[in-house]
Amino acid sequence: PMMPLSLARPGEPGTIRRVAGRDETRRRLAELGFVAESTVTVVSRLAGSLILQVKDSRVALDRDLAGRILV
């Protein structure tokens, strides 16, 4: 079963299954490396944001945006 990335536990890698949202939201996330079949790990949670490791980058996303990424 898929779940939003915002609910994933820190340290556990997951595979992105789908990115939901409007076209421009999906496009922006894709530019950051959040595309289907990529591996993503929640590094930490900080003041309502998540620090994520995707490909060779660390990216901070707010909880709402992270909730659009389904793993």
C-alpha atoms as a PDB file:
ATOM      1  CA  PRO A   1       0.000   0.000   0.000  1.00  0.00           C
ATOM      2  CA  MET A   2       1.163   3.517  -0.808  1.00  0.00           C
ATOM      3  CA  MET A   3       1.527   6.210   1.832  1.00  0.00           C
ATOM      4  CA  PRO A   4       2.466   9.884   1.711  1.00  0.00           C
ATOM      5  CA  LEU A   5       6.151  10.596   2.230  1.00  0.00           C
ATOM      6  CA  SER A   6       5.169  12.955   5.056  1.00  0.00           C
ATOM      7  CA  LEU A   7       4.268   9.846   7.136  1.00  0.00           C
ATOM      8  CA  ALA A   8       7.502   7.929   6.457  1.00  0.00           C
ATOM      9  CA  ARG A   9       9.892   7.268   9.321  1.00  0.00           C
ATOM     10  CA  PRO A  10      13.290   8.995   9.309  1.00  0.00           C
ATOM     11  CA  GLY A  11      16.079   6.730   8.082  1.00  0.00           C
ATOM     12  CA  GLU A  12      13.906   4.308   6.121  1.00  0.00           C
ATOM     13  CA  PRO A  13      14.427   4.483   2.357  1.00  0.00           C
ATOM     14  CA  GLY A  14      11.342   4.280   0.162  1.00  0.00           C
ATOM     15  CA  THR A  15      10.649   4.102  -3.550  1.00  0.00           C
ATOM     16  CA  ILE A  16       8.537   6.871  -5.031  1.00  0.00           C
ATOM     17  CA  ARG A  17       5.428   5.322  -6.596  1.00  0.00           C
ATOM     18  CA  ARG A  18       3.562   8.452  -7.674  1.00  0.00           C
ATOM     19  CA  VAL A  19       3.666  12.238  -7.381  1.00  0.00           C
ATOM     20  CA  ALA A  20       0.228  13.835  -6.994  1.00  0.00           C
ATOM     21  CA  GLY A  21      -0.804  17.442  -7.505  1.00  0.00           C
ATOM     22  CA  ARG A  22      -1.177  19.986 -10.265  1.00  0.00           C
ATOM     23  CA  ASP A  23       1.098  19.881 -13.314  1.00  0.00           C
ATOM     24  CA  GLU A  24       3.343  22.702 -12.118  1.00  0.00           C
ATOM     25  CA  THR A  25       3.704  21.089  -8.684  1.00  0.00           C
ATOM     26  CA  ARG A  26       4.659  17.736 -10.207  1.00  0.00           C
ATOM     27  CA  ARG A  27       7.047  19.443 -12.628  1.00  0.00           C
ATOM     28  CA  ARG A  28       8.786  21.354  -9.814  1.00  0.00           C
ATOM     29  CA  LEU A  29       9.166  18.189  -7.731  1.00  0.00           C
ATOM     30  CA  ALA A  30      10.521  16.340 -10.782  1.00  0.00           C
ATOM     31  CA  GLU A  31      13.147  19.077 -11.248  1.00  0.00           C
ATOM     32  CA  LEU A  32      14.252  18.405  -7.675  1.00  0.00           C
ATOM     33  CA  GLY A  33      14.572  14.661  -8.410  1.00  0.00           C
ATOM     34  CA  PHE A  34      11.232  13.422  -7.052  1.00  0.00           C
ATOM     35  CA  VAL A  35      10.201  11.119  -9.904  1.00  0.00           C
ATOM     36  CA  ALA A  36       8.603   7.660  -9.911  1.00  0.00           C
ATOM     37  CA  GLU A  37      10.934   4.763  -9.096  1.00  0.00           C
ATOM     38  CA  SER A  38      13.536   7.027  -7.414  1.00  0.00           C
ATOM     39  CA  THR A  39      14.647   6.181  -3.900  1.00  0.00           C
ATOM     40  CA  VAL A  40      13.990   8.788  -1.227  1.00  0.00           C
ATOM     41  CA  THR A  41      14.860   8.830   2.476  1.00  0.00           C
ATOM     42  CA  VAL A  42      13.535  11.111   5.210  1.00  0.00           C
ATOM     43  CA  VAL A  43      16.705  12.387   6.903  1.00  0.00           C
ATOM     44  CA  SER A  44      14.965  14.419   9.610  1.00  0.00           C
ATOM     45  CA  ARG A  45      11.914  16.476  10.525  1.00  0.00           C
ATOM     46  CA  LEU A  46      12.416  20.097  11.438  1.00  0.00           C
ATOM     47  CA  ALA A  47       9.731  22.640  12.395  1.00  0.00           C
ATOM     48  CA  GLY A  48       7.044  21.325  10.044  1.00  0.00           C
ATOM     49  CA  SER A  49       9.483  20.554   7.222  1.00  0.00           C
ATOM     50  CA  LEU A  50      11.164  17.344   6.159  1.00  0.00           C
ATOM     51  CA  ILE A  51      14.790  17.034   5.114  1.00  0.00           C
ATOM     52  CA  LEU A  52      14.878  14.447   2.327  1.00  0.00           C
ATOM     53  CA  GLN A  53      17.714  12.627   0.594  1.00  0.00           C
ATOM     54  CA  VAL A  54      16.933  12.053  -3.075  1.00  0.00           C
ATOM     55  CA  LYS A  55      19.601  10.995  -5.550  1.00  0.00           C
ATOM     56  CA  ASP A  56      22.743  12.887  -4.433  1.00  0.00           C
ATOM     57  CA  SER A  57      20.930  15.859  -2.916  1.00  0.00           C
ATOM     58  CA  ARG A  58      19.294  16.844   0.333  1.00  0.00           C
ATOM     59  CA  VAL A  59      16.107  18.844  -0.096  1.00  0.00           C
ATOM     60  CA  ALA A  60      13.808  20.468   2.470  1.00  0.00           C
ATOM     61  CA  LEU A  61      10.082  20.277   1.729  1.00  0.00           C
ATOM     62  CA  ASP A  62       7.155  21.382   3.836  1.00  0.00           C
ATOM     63  CA  ARG A  63       4.825  18.668   5.111  1.00  0.00           C
ATOM     64  CA  ASP A  64       2.098  19.566   2.582  1.00  0.00           C
ATOM     65  CA  LEU A  65       4.398  19.148  -0.432  1.00  0.00           C
ATOM     66  CA  ALA A  66       5.930  15.965   0.982  1.00  0.00           C
ATOM     67  CA  GLY A  67       2.386  14.617   1.352  1.00  0.00           C
ATOM     68  CA  ARG A  68       1.984  14.732  -2.429  1.00  0.00           C
ATOM     69  CA  ILE A  69       4.839  12.244  -2.894  1.00  0.00           C
ATOM     70  CA  LEU A  70       3.551   8.694  -2.474  1.00  0.00           C
ATOM     71  CA  VAL A  71       5.931   5.895  -1.535  1.00  0.00           C
END
